[in-house]
Amino acid sequence: MTKERSEGATWHYQLMRHKTPHLGDDEGIYYAIHEYHEMKDGQAWTMDPVEVIGESVNDVIWSLKAMLHDIQRHGVEDYD
């Protein structure tokens, strides 16, 4: 569920693969959801993963559905 930002950039939720270098291979891999921004001068994602919070149960349900939709649409990216 991509949303339009007022400054002309768009964003979506993005599942990111994190690697903890000191653990090696598959042991140091975990996944987290970030906001992924498509800017006019490039692409970037939030440094910290997003939290699922809301002012109501419906807000939380909407966020979870949006996250699932975006993960299915955009797949997984490596967090560098």
PDB file of N, CA and C in Angstrom:
ATOM      1  N   MET A   1       0.830  -1.157   0.000  1.00  0.00           N
ATOM      2  CA  MET A   1       0.000   0.000   0.000  1.00  0.00           C
ATOM      3  C   MET A   1       0.882   1.230   0.000  1.00  0.00           C
ATOM      4  N   THR A   2       1.363   1.548  -1.146  1.00  0.00           N
ATOM      5  CA  THR A   2       2.237   2.692  -1.287  1.00  0.00           C
ATOM      6  C   THR A   2       1.450   3.962  -1.045  1.00  0.00           C
ATOM      7  N   LYS A   3       2.050   4.903  -0.358  1.00  0.00           N
ATOM      8  CA  LYS A   3       1.385   6.154  -0.034  1.00  0.00           C
ATOM      9  C   LYS A   3       2.158   7.318  -0.632  1.00  0.00           C
ATOM     10  N   GLU A   4       1.448   8.335  -1.022  1.00  0.00           N
ATOM     11  CA  GLU A   4       2.075   9.532  -1.578  1.00  0.00           C
ATOM     12  C   GLU A   4       2.452  10.482  -0.440  1.00  0.00           C
ATOM     13  N   ARG A   5       3.665  10.957  -0.447  1.00  0.00           N
ATOM     14  CA  ARG A   5       4.121  11.925   0.541  1.00  0.00           C
ATOM     15  C   ARG A   5       3.979  13.323  -0.054  1.00  0.00           C
ATOM     16  N   SER A   6       3.814  14.308   0.785  1.00  0.00           N
ATOM     17  CA  SER A   6       3.602  15.674   0.314  1.00  0.00           C
ATOM     18  C   SER A   6       4.798  16.229  -0.456  1.00  0.00           C
ATOM     19  N   GLU A   7       6.010  15.782  -0.149  1.00  0.00           N
ATOM     20  CA  GLU A   7       7.188  16.294  -0.850  1.00  0.00           C
ATOM     21  C   GLU A   7       7.441  15.585  -2.178  1.00  0.00           C
ATOM     22  N   GLY A   8       6.494  14.763  -2.625  1.00  0.00           N
ATOM     23  CA  GLY A   8       6.618  14.121  -3.924  1.00  0.00           C
ATOM     24  C   GLY A   8       7.275  12.754  -3.896  1.00  0.00           C
ATOM     25  N   ALA A   9       7.693  12.302  -2.729  1.00  0.00           N
ATOM     26  CA  ALA A   9       8.306  10.983  -2.624  1.00  0.00           C
ATOM     27  C   ALA A   9       7.246   9.964  -2.230  1.00  0.00           C
ATOM     28  N   THR A  10       7.464   8.703  -2.564  1.00  0.00           N
ATOM     29  CA  THR A  10       6.565   7.642  -2.148  1.00  0.00           C
ATOM     30  C   THR A  10       7.309   6.686  -1.232  1.00  0.00           C
ATOM     31  N   TRP A  11       6.555   5.900  -0.462  1.00  0.00           N
ATOM     32  CA  TRP A  11       7.168   4.920   0.423  1.00  0.00           C
ATOM     33  C   TRP A  11       6.261   3.718   0.540  1.00  0.00           C
ATOM     34  N   HIS A  12       6.868   2.625   0.980  1.00  0.00           N
ATOM     35  CA  HIS A  12       6.104   1.421   1.287  1.00  0.00           C
ATOM     36  C   HIS A  12       6.840   0.678   2.405  1.00  0.00           C
ATOM     37  N   TYR A  13       6.143  -0.250   3.029  1.00  0.00           N
ATOM     38  CA  TYR A  13       6.791  -1.107   4.015  1.00  0.00           C
ATOM     39  C   TYR A  13       7.683  -2.091   3.268  1.00  0.00           C
ATOM     40  N   GLN A  14       8.871  -2.358   3.806  1.00  0.00           N
ATOM     41  CA  GLN A  14       9.833  -3.233   3.149  1.00  0.00           C
ATOM     42  C   GLN A  14      10.414  -4.211   4.159  1.00  0.00           C
ATOM     43  N   LEU A  15      10.329  -5.503   3.858  1.00  0.00           N
ATOM     44  CA  LEU A  15      10.990  -6.500   4.692  1.00  0.00           C
ATOM     45  C   LEU A  15      12.471  -6.490   4.343  1.00  0.00           C
ATOM     46  N   MET A  16      13.305  -6.307   5.360  1.00  0.00           N
ATOM     47  CA  MET A  16      14.745  -6.191   5.157  1.00  0.00           C
ATOM     48  C   MET A  16      15.467  -7.344   5.852  1.00  0.00           C
ATOM     49  N   ARG A  17      16.460  -7.904   5.152  1.00  0.00           N
ATOM     50  CA  ARG A  17      17.311  -8.962   5.700  1.00  0.00           C
ATOM     51  C   ARG A  17      18.539  -8.310   6.325  1.00  0.00           C
ATOM     52  N   HIS A  18      18.694  -8.487   7.621  1.00  0.00           N
ATOM     53  CA  HIS A  18      19.838  -7.946   8.363  1.00  0.00           C
ATOM     54  C   HIS A  18      20.847  -9.064   8.582  1.00  0.00           C
ATOM     55  N   LYS A  19      22.115  -8.716   8.507  1.00  0.00           N
ATOM     56  CA  LYS A  19      23.179  -9.680   8.775  1.00  0.00           C
ATOM     57  C   LYS A  19      24.051  -9.148   9.897  1.00  0.00           C
ATOM     58  N   THR A  20      24.294  -9.988  10.889  1.00  0.00           N
ATOM     59  CA  THR A  20      25.197  -9.641  11.972  1.00  0.00           C
ATOM     60  C   THR A  20      26.546 -10.259  11.618  1.00  0.00           C
ATOM     61  N   PRO A  21      27.497  -9.447  11.158  1.00  0.00           N
ATOM     62  CA  PRO A  21      28.741  -9.970  10.580  1.00  0.00           C
ATOM     63  C   PRO A  21      29.553 -10.876  11.488  1.00  0.00           C
ATOM     64  N   HIS A  22      29.560 -10.668  12.766  1.00  0.00           N
ATOM     65  CA  HIS A  22      30.430 -11.461  13.633  1.00  0.00           C
ATOM     66  C   HIS A  22      29.925 -12.889  13.860  1.00  0.00           C
ATOM     67  N   LEU A  23      28.691 -13.199  13.468  1.00  0.00           N
ATOM     68  CA  LEU A  23      28.170 -14.546  13.678  1.00  0.00           C
ATOM     69  C   LEU A  23      28.361 -15.464  12.474  1.00  0.00           C
ATOM     70  N   GLY A  24      28.593 -14.899  11.313  1.00  0.00           N
ATOM     71  CA  GLY A  24      28.835 -15.711  10.119  1.00  0.00           C
ATOM     72  C   GLY A  24      27.580 -16.290   9.504  1.00  0.00           C
ATOM     73  N   ASP A  25      27.659 -16.707   8.287  1.00  0.00           N
ATOM     74  CA  ASP A  25      26.609 -17.298   7.451  1.00  0.00           C
ATOM     75  C   ASP A  25      25.176 -17.050   7.935  1.00  0.00           C
ATOM     76  N   ASP A  26      24.403 -18.128   8.094  1.00  0.00           N
ATOM     77  CA  ASP A  26      22.979 -18.002   8.405  1.00  0.00           C
ATOM     78  C   ASP A  26      22.699 -17.701   9.877  1.00  0.00           C
ATOM     79  N   GLU A  27      23.661 -17.880  10.739  1.00  0.00           N
ATOM     80  CA  GLU A  27      23.422 -17.688  12.167  1.00  0.00           C
ATOM     81  C   GLU A  27      23.105 -16.244  12.520  1.00  0.00           C
ATOM     82  N   GLY A  28      23.661 -15.307  11.803  1.00  0.00           N
ATOM     83  CA  GLY A  28      23.487 -13.897  12.141  1.00  0.00           C
ATOM     84  C   GLY A  28      22.462 -13.184  11.296  1.00  0.00           C
ATOM     85  N   ILE A  29      21.507 -13.894  10.707  1.00  0.00           N
ATOM     86  CA  ILE A  29      20.504 -13.273   9.844  1.00  0.00           C
ATOM     87  C   ILE A  29      19.183 -13.140  10.590  1.00  0.00           C
ATOM     88  N   TYR A  30      18.580 -11.959  10.491  1.00  0.00           N
ATOM     89  CA  TYR A  30      17.230 -11.759  10.994  1.00  0.00           C
ATOM     90  C   TYR A  30      16.509 -10.798  10.056  1.00  0.00           C
ATOM     91  N   TYR A  31      15.208 -10.736  10.150  1.00  0.00           N
ATOM     92  CA  TYR A  31      14.379  -9.934   9.269  1.00  0.00           C
ATOM     93  C   TYR A  31      13.590  -8.918  10.078  1.00  0.00           C
ATOM     94  N   ALA A  32      13.395  -7.729   9.508  1.00  0.00           N
ATOM     95  CA  ALA A  32      12.621  -6.681  10.156  1.00  0.00           C
ATOM     96  C   ALA A  32      11.952  -5.825   9.087  1.00  0.00           C
ATOM     97  N   ILE A  33      10.856  -5.195   9.446  1.00  0.00           N
ATOM     98  CA  ILE A  33      10.125  -4.342   8.508  1.00  0.00           C
ATOM     99  C   ILE A  33      10.552  -2.893   8.714  1.00  0.00           C
ATOM    100  N   HIS A  34      10.882  -2.234   7.601  1.00  0.00           N
ATOM    101  CA  HIS A  34      11.279  -0.827   7.591  1.00  0.00           C
ATOM    102  C   HIS A  34      10.358  -0.073   6.640  1.00  0.00           C
ATOM    103  N   GLU A  35      10.390   1.246   6.714  1.00  0.00           N
ATOM    104  CA  GLU A  35       9.771   2.060   5.678  1.00  0.00           C
ATOM    105  C   GLU A  35      10.829   2.267   4.601  1.00  0.00           C
ATOM    106  N   TYR A  36      10.444   2.021   3.349  1.00  0.00           N
ATOM    107  CA  TYR A  36      11.352   2.155   2.212  1.00  0.00           C
ATOM    108  C   TYR A  36      10.893   3.357   1.403  1.00  0.00           C
ATOM    109  N   HIS A  37      11.753   4.349   1.274  1.00  0.00           N
ATOM    110  CA  HIS A  37      11.405   5.605   0.617  1.00  0.00           C
ATOM    111  C   HIS A  37      12.012   5.665  -0.780  1.00  0.00           C
ATOM    112  N   GLU A  38      11.175   6.002  -1.742  1.00  0.00           N
ATOM    113  CA  GLU A  38      11.633   6.216  -3.110  1.00  0.00           C
ATOM    114  C   GLU A  38      11.657   7.724  -3.334  1.00  0.00           C
ATOM    115  N   MET A  39      12.859   8.292  -3.300  1.00  0.00           N
ATOM    116  CA  MET A  39      13.030   9.731  -3.400  1.00  0.00           C
ATOM    117  C   MET A  39      13.453  10.097  -4.821  1.00  0.00           C
ATOM    118  N   LYS A  40      13.287  11.342  -5.177  1.00  0.00           N
ATOM    119  CA  LYS A  40      13.690  11.806  -6.508  1.00  0.00           C
ATOM    120  C   LYS A  40      15.193  11.622  -6.736  1.00  0.00           C
ATOM    121  N   ASP A  41      15.990  11.731  -5.663  1.00  0.00           N
ATOM    122  CA  ASP A  41      17.446  11.613  -5.798  1.00  0.00           C
ATOM    123  C   ASP A  41      17.978  10.253  -5.346  1.00  0.00           C
ATOM    124  N   GLY A  42      17.118   9.249  -5.229  1.00  0.00           N
ATOM    125  CA  GLY A  42      17.576   7.914  -4.846  1.00  0.00           C
ATOM    126  C   GLY A  42      16.581   7.214  -3.951  1.00  0.00           C
ATOM    127  N   GLN A  43      17.014   6.114  -3.339  1.00  0.00           N
ATOM    128  CA  GLN A  43      16.160   5.323  -2.469  1.00  0.00           C
ATOM    129  C   GLN A  43      16.822   5.175  -1.114  1.00  0.00           C
ATOM    130  N   ALA A  44      16.000   5.063  -0.084  1.00  0.00           N
ATOM    131  CA  ALA A  44      16.527   4.899   1.272  1.00  0.00           C
ATOM    132  C   ALA A  44      15.477   4.216   2.131  1.00  0.00           C
ATOM    133  N   TRP A  45      15.894   3.667   3.252  1.00  0.00           N
ATOM    134  CA  TRP A  45      14.961   3.058   4.192  1.00  0.00           C
ATOM    135  C   TRP A  45      15.262   3.599   5.582  1.00  0.00           C
ATOM    136  N   THR A  46      14.288   3.449   6.469  1.00  0.00           N
ATOM    137  CA  THR A  46      14.480   3.927   7.827  1.00  0.00           C
ATOM    138  C   THR A  46      15.581   3.130   8.517  1.00  0.00           C
ATOM    139  N   MET A  47      16.331   3.789   9.355  1.00  0.00           N
ATOM    140  CA  MET A  47      17.427   3.133  10.056  1.00  0.00           C
ATOM    141  C   MET A  47      16.893   2.051  10.998  1.00  0.00           C
ATOM    142  N   ASP A  48      15.857   2.374  11.729  1.00  0.00           N
ATOM    143  CA  ASP A  48      15.278   1.429  12.680  1.00  0.00           C
ATOM    144  C   ASP A  48      14.029   0.789  12.096  1.00  0.00           C
ATOM    145  N   PRO A  49      13.772  -0.467  12.428  1.00  0.00           N
ATOM    146  CA  PRO A  49      12.524  -1.102  11.996  1.00  0.00           C
ATOM    147  C   PRO A  49      11.321  -0.359  12.569  1.00  0.00           C
ATOM    148  N   VAL A  50      10.191  -0.499  11.903  1.00  0.00           N
ATOM    149  CA  VAL A  50       8.965   0.143  12.367  1.00  0.00           C
ATOM    150  C   VAL A  50       8.295  -0.699  13.442  1.00  0.00           C
ATOM    151  N   GLU A  51       7.507  -0.042  14.281  1.00  0.00           N
ATOM    152  CA  GLU A  51       6.718  -0.716  15.300  1.00  0.00           C
ATOM    153  C   GLU A  51       5.275  -0.785  14.820  1.00  0.00           C
ATOM    154  N   VAL A  52       4.552  -1.747  15.317  1.00  0.00           N
ATOM    155  CA  VAL A  52       3.129  -1.839  15.019  1.00  0.00           C
ATOM    156  C   VAL A  52       2.388  -1.252  16.214  1.00  0.00           C
ATOM    157  N   ILE A  53       1.956  -0.011  16.041  1.00  0.00           N
ATOM    158  CA  ILE A  53       1.210   0.677  17.086  1.00  0.00           C
ATOM    159  C   ILE A  53       0.060   1.434  16.430  1.00  0.00           C
ATOM    160  N   GLY A  54      -0.932   1.777  17.204  1.00  0.00           N
ATOM    161  CA  GLY A  54      -2.053   2.531  16.677  1.00  0.00           C
ATOM    162  C   GLY A  54      -2.899   3.103  17.782  1.00  0.00           C
ATOM    163  N   GLU A  55      -3.763   4.016  17.407  1.00  0.00           N
ATOM    164  CA  GLU A  55      -4.661   4.632  18.377  1.00  0.00           C
ATOM    165  C   GLU A  55      -5.912   3.795  18.585  1.00  0.00           C
ATOM    166  N   SER A  56      -6.083   2.752  17.772  1.00  0.00           N
ATOM    167  CA  SER A  56      -7.237   1.869  17.911  1.00  0.00           C
ATOM    168  C   SER A  56      -6.868   0.483  17.388  1.00  0.00           C
ATOM    169  N   VAL A  57      -7.722  -0.470  17.680  1.00  0.00           N
ATOM    170  CA  VAL A  57      -7.527  -1.823  17.154  1.00  0.00           C
ATOM    171  C   VAL A  57      -7.543  -1.780  15.632  1.00  0.00           C
ATOM    172  N   ASN A  58      -8.441  -0.997  15.050  1.00  0.00           N
ATOM    173  CA  ASN A  58      -8.520  -0.897  13.590  1.00  0.00           C
ATOM    174  C   ASN A  58      -7.247  -0.312  12.985  1.00  0.00           C
ATOM    175  N   ASP A  59      -6.607   0.636  13.679  1.00  0.00           N
ATOM    176  CA  ASP A  59      -5.327   1.181  13.202  1.00  0.00           C
ATOM    177  C   ASP A  59      -4.257   0.093  13.134  1.00  0.00           C
ATOM    178  N   VAL A  60      -4.190  -0.738  14.166  1.00  0.00           N
ATOM    179  CA  VAL A  60      -3.200  -1.817  14.203  1.00  0.00           C
ATOM    180  C   VAL A  60      -3.498  -2.836  13.112  1.00  0.00           C
ATOM    181  N   ILE A  61      -4.759  -3.196  12.940  1.00  0.00           N
ATOM    182  CA  ILE A  61      -5.143  -4.150  11.888  1.00  0.00           C
ATOM    183  C   ILE A  61      -4.786  -3.588  10.521  1.00  0.00           C
ATOM    184  N   TRP A  62      -5.074  -2.303  10.297  1.00  0.00           N
ATOM    185  CA  TRP A  62      -4.749  -1.686   9.008  1.00  0.00           C
ATOM    186  C   TRP A  62      -3.239  -1.743   8.758  1.00  0.00           C
ATOM    187  N   SER A  63      -2.443  -1.419   9.771  1.00  0.00           N
ATOM    188  CA  SER A  63      -0.982  -1.434   9.620  1.00  0.00           C
ATOM    189  C   SER A  63      -0.477  -2.832   9.284  1.00  0.00           C
ATOM    190  N   LEU A  64      -0.978  -3.836   9.980  1.00  0.00           N
ATOM    191  CA  LEU A  64      -0.539  -5.207   9.713  1.00  0.00           C
ATOM    192  C   LEU A  64      -0.914  -5.649   8.305  1.00  0.00           C
ATOM    193  N   LYS A  65      -2.113  -5.311   7.858  1.00  0.00           N
ATOM    194  CA  LYS A  65      -2.528  -5.655   6.493  1.00  0.00           C
ATOM    195  C   LYS A  65      -1.661  -4.937   5.464  1.00  0.00           C
ATOM    196  N   ALA A  66      -1.363  -3.665   5.718  1.00  0.00           N
ATOM    197  CA  ALA A  66      -0.512  -2.903   4.805  1.00  0.00           C
ATOM    198  C   ALA A  66       0.885  -3.508   4.733  1.00  0.00           C
ATOM    199  N   MET A  67       1.421  -3.926   5.880  1.00  0.00           N
ATOM    200  CA  MET A  67       2.753  -4.549   5.907  1.00  0.00           C
ATOM    201  C   MET A  67       2.755  -5.852   5.114  1.00  0.00           C
ATOM    202  N   LEU A  68       1.762  -6.699   5.336  1.00  0.00           N
ATOM    203  CA  LEU A  68       1.680  -7.962   4.596  1.00  0.00           C
ATOM    204  C   LEU A  68       1.551  -7.727   3.098  1.00  0.00           C
ATOM    205  N   HIS A  69       0.721  -6.785   2.725  1.00  0.00           N
ATOM    206  CA  HIS A  69       0.537  -6.459   1.305  1.00  0.00           C
ATOM    207  C   HIS A  69       1.858  -6.021   0.675  1.00  0.00           C
ATOM    208  N   ASP A  70       2.563  -5.120   1.356  1.00  0.00           N
ATOM    209  CA  ASP A  70       3.812  -4.599   0.803  1.00  0.00           C
ATOM    210  C   ASP A  70       4.911  -5.654   0.759  1.00  0.00           C
ATOM    211  N   ILE A  71       4.970  -6.541   1.755  1.00  0.00           N
ATOM    212  CA  ILE A  71       5.968  -7.620   1.728  1.00  0.00           C
ATOM    213  C   ILE A  71       5.699  -8.531   0.542  1.00  0.00           C
ATOM    214  N   GLN A  72       4.447  -8.875   0.315  1.00  0.00           N
ATOM    215  CA  GLN A  72       4.113  -9.731  -0.834  1.00  0.00           C
ATOM    216  C   GLN A  72       4.420  -9.037  -2.153  1.00  0.00           C
ATOM    217  N   ARG A  73       4.235  -7.750  -2.213  1.00  0.00           N
ATOM    218  CA  ARG A  73       4.457  -7.003  -3.453  1.00  0.00           C
ATOM    219  C   ARG A  73       5.936  -6.718  -3.714  1.00  0.00           C
ATOM    220  N   HIS A  74       6.702  -6.393  -2.657  1.00  0.00           N
ATOM    221  CA  HIS A  74       8.072  -5.911  -2.842  1.00  0.00           C
ATOM    222  C   HIS A  74       9.152  -6.906  -2.419  1.00  0.00           C
ATOM    223  N   GLY A  75       8.783  -7.997  -1.762  1.00  0.00           N
ATOM    224  CA  GLY A  75       9.762  -9.015  -1.397  1.00  0.00           C
ATOM    225  C   GLY A  75      10.710  -8.564  -0.297  1.00  0.00           C
ATOM    226  N   VAL A  76      11.929  -9.084  -0.343  1.00  0.00           N
ATOM    227  CA  VAL A  76      12.939  -8.843   0.694  1.00  0.00           C
ATOM    228  C   VAL A  76      14.126  -8.113   0.074  1.00  0.00           C
ATOM    229  N   GLU A  77      14.652  -7.135   0.773  1.00  0.00           N
ATOM    230  CA  GLU A  77      15.859  -6.410   0.365  1.00  0.00           C
ATOM    231  C   GLU A  77      16.912  -6.594   1.451  1.00  0.00           C
ATOM    232  N   ASP A  78      18.186  -6.554   1.059  1.00  0.00           N
ATOM    233  CA  ASP A  78      19.271  -6.604   2.035  1.00  0.00           C
ATOM    234  C   ASP A  78      19.439  -5.239   2.686  1.00  0.00           C
ATOM    235  N   TYR A  79      19.571  -5.223   4.003  1.00  0.00           N
ATOM    236  CA  TYR A  79      19.846  -3.997   4.750  1.00  0.00           C
ATOM    237  C   TYR A  79      21.351  -3.856   4.806  1.00  0.00           C
ATOM    238  N   ASP A  80      21.851  -2.780   4.224  1.00  0.00           N
ATOM    239  CA  ASP A  80      23.308  -2.551   4.211  1.00  0.00           C
ATOM    240  C   ASP A  80      23.680  -1.412   5.116  1.00  0.00           C
TER     241      ASP A  80
END
